[in-house]
């Protein structure tokens, strides 16, 4: 296998992202901002819709709200990681709960961001997650 240096900024344009948030106004605004930066991004209004999209489309990085009706972000994270262990998940929490972010990371999340979202901070995390996702793909299923 040849080694290819994957930079963060290169990685983010090479991966497919999925934004999952039940707040349609927030979801649409963030989706538009990230797409304007050249990111390939789909969106879902909840966990079941996200899981459905993931069965039909390859997704490398998921940006997911923690507080959603029905299946919450932590449970959805567990389902995503069980079905797609190489997908990287960044959790969003609007409840200023660092503890819930830590709980998410203990459940397999790559990182978390507090709402209101600082887009440059989120983009940095997405770039790092994208870089890791591409390395995961390059390793073709090998364990870390």
Protein backbone atom coordinates (compact mmCIF):
# COMPACT_ATOMS: atom_id res chain seq x y z
CA UNK A 1 0.00 0.00 0.00
CA UNK A 2 1.34 3.42 -0.89
CA UNK A 3 1.36 6.14 1.73
CA UNK A 4 -0.45 9.30 0.72
CA UNK A 5 -0.30 12.42 2.88
CA UNK A 6 -3.85 13.57 3.49
CA UNK A 7 -4.13 17.13 4.76
CA UNK A 8 -7.12 18.32 6.73
CA UNK A 9 -8.27 20.79 4.08
CA UNK A 10 -7.93 18.17 1.32
CA UNK A 11 -9.78 15.59 3.39
CA UNK A 12 -12.87 17.69 4.00
CA UNK A 13 -13.52 18.07 0.26
CA UNK A 14 -13.12 14.33 -0.36
CA UNK A 15 -15.65 13.00 2.14
CA UNK A 16 -19.43 12.89 2.31
CA UNK A 17 -21.01 14.48 5.35
CA UNK A 18 -24.40 13.98 6.94
CA UNK A 19 -25.95 16.64 9.18
CA UNK A 20 -28.61 15.32 11.57
CA UNK A 21 -30.70 17.81 13.53
CA UNK A 22 -34.43 18.03 14.23
CA UNK A 23 -34.38 21.86 14.18
CA UNK A 24 -35.10 22.50 10.50
CA UNK A 25 -34.09 26.18 10.62
CA UNK A 26 -30.72 25.41 12.22
CA UNK A 27 -30.18 22.41 9.94
CA UNK A 28 -30.87 24.38 6.76
CA UNK A 29 -28.71 27.34 7.82
CA UNK A 30 -25.74 25.16 8.79
CA UNK A 31 -26.17 23.00 5.69
CA UNK A 32 -26.07 26.09 3.45
CA UNK A 33 -23.01 27.50 5.23
CA UNK A 34 -21.06 24.25 4.95
CA UNK A 35 -22.06 23.66 1.33
CA UNK A 36 -20.94 27.21 0.49
CA UNK A 37 -17.51 26.13 1.76
CA UNK A 38 -17.45 23.31 -0.80
CA UNK A 39 -18.48 20.43 1.45
CA UNK A 40 -20.54 17.48 0.15
CA UNK A 41 -23.37 17.46 2.66
CA UNK A 42 -26.71 15.71 3.05
CA UNK A 43 -29.15 16.44 5.86
CA UNK A 44 -31.64 14.48 7.95
CA UNK A 45 -34.23 15.57 10.49
CA UNK A 46 -33.71 12.67 12.89
CA UNK A 47 -32.04 9.36 13.56
CA UNK A 48 -34.31 7.11 11.51
CA UNK A 49 -33.98 9.34 8.45
CA UNK A 50 -30.18 9.47 8.96
CA UNK A 51 -29.88 5.69 9.22
CA UNK A 52 -32.02 5.32 6.10
CA UNK A 53 -29.79 7.73 4.16
CA UNK A 54 -26.67 5.92 5.37
CA UNK A 55 -27.94 2.61 4.01
CA UNK A 56 -28.31 4.23 0.57
CA UNK A 57 -25.31 6.60 0.46
CA UNK A 58 -21.73 6.33 1.65
CA UNK A 59 -21.24 8.73 4.58
CA UNK A 60 -17.83 9.38 6.10
CA UNK A 61 -18.59 12.00 8.77
CA UNK A 62 -21.85 12.58 10.65
CA UNK A 63 -22.60 15.85 12.44
CA UNK A 64 -25.42 14.99 14.86
CA UNK A 65 -27.50 16.85 17.42
CA UNK A 66 -27.62 15.17 20.83
CA UNK A 67 -31.17 16.22 21.75
CA UNK A 68 -33.68 14.92 19.23
CA UNK A 69 -37.18 13.54 19.71
CA UNK A 70 -37.50 9.79 19.49
CA UNK A 71 -34.02 8.33 19.27
CA UNK A 72 -31.58 10.79 20.87
CA UNK A 73 -28.07 11.53 19.64
CA UNK A 74 -26.29 9.11 21.98
CA UNK A 75 -28.46 6.16 20.98
CA UNK A 76 -28.25 7.13 17.31
CA UNK A 77 -24.45 7.40 17.65
CA UNK A 78 -24.36 3.84 19.00
CA UNK A 79 -26.46 2.60 16.08
CA UNK A 80 -24.26 4.40 13.54
CA UNK A 81 -21.04 3.08 15.06
CA UNK A 82 -22.44 -0.46 15.22
CA UNK A 83 -23.46 -0.47 11.55
CA UNK A 84 -20.67 1.79 10.19
CA UNK A 85 -17.73 1.59 12.63
CA UNK A 86 -15.44 3.62 10.35
CA UNK A 87 -17.84 6.58 10.15
CA UNK A 88 -16.75 9.50 12.33
CA UNK A 89 -19.43 11.30 14.37
CA UNK A 90 -19.31 14.83 15.76
CA UNK A 91 -22.04 15.56 18.29
CA UNK A 92 -23.74 18.92 18.73
CA UNK A 93 -25.21 19.82 22.09
CA UNK A 94 -27.30 22.90 22.74
CA UNK A 95 -27.64 22.22 26.38
CA UNK A 96 -24.19 23.47 27.39
CA UNK A 97 -23.46 20.04 28.75
CA UNK A 98 -19.84 19.12 28.56
CA UNK A 99 -20.81 15.92 30.40
CA UNK A 100 -23.12 14.83 27.57
CA UNK A 101 -20.32 15.54 25.08
CA UNK A 102 -17.98 13.38 27.11
CA UNK A 103 -20.63 10.64 27.28
CA UNK A 104 -20.86 10.79 23.51
CA UNK A 105 -17.11 10.48 23.10
CA UNK A 106 -17.13 7.48 25.44
CA UNK A 107 -19.76 5.96 23.11
CA UNK A 108 -17.54 6.41 20.07
CA UNK A 109 -17.98 10.00 18.92
CA UNK A 110 -14.98 11.68 17.33
CA UNK A 111 -15.67 15.00 19.08
CA UNK A 112 -18.45 17.36 20.12
CA UNK A 113 -19.38 21.05 19.76
CA UNK A 114 -21.56 23.23 21.93
CA UNK A 115 -24.44 25.21 20.43
CA UNK A 116 -24.58 27.97 19.39
CA UNK A 117 -22.13 26.62 16.84
CA UNK A 118 -18.85 28.40 16.18
CA UNK A 119 -18.63 27.45 12.48
CA UNK A 120 -14.81 27.80 12.22
CA UNK A 121 -14.44 25.53 15.28
CA UNK A 122 -16.89 23.00 13.82
CA UNK A 123 -15.09 23.13 10.48
CA UNK A 124 -11.76 22.38 12.21
CA UNK A 125 -13.34 19.33 13.85
CA UNK A 126 -14.95 18.23 10.58
CA UNK A 127 -11.58 18.53 8.81
CA UNK A 128 -9.90 16.34 11.45
CA UNK A 129 -12.74 13.80 11.36
CA UNK A 130 -12.61 13.76 7.55
CA UNK A 131 -8.87 13.16 7.63
CA UNK A 132 -9.38 10.23 10.02
CA UNK A 133 -12.23 8.85 7.89
CA UNK A 134 -10.03 8.85 4.78
CA UNK A 135 -7.23 7.12 6.69
CA UNK A 136 -9.79 4.55 7.89
CA UNK A 137 -10.82 3.95 4.25
CA UNK A 138 -7.19 3.69 3.14
CA UNK A 139 -6.55 1.09 5.84
CA UNK A 140 -9.49 -0.80 4.31
CA UNK A 141 -11.08 -2.14 7.43
CA UNK A 142 -8.01 -2.76 9.58
CA UNK A 143 -8.37 -2.13 13.28
CA UNK A 144 -6.76 0.88 14.89
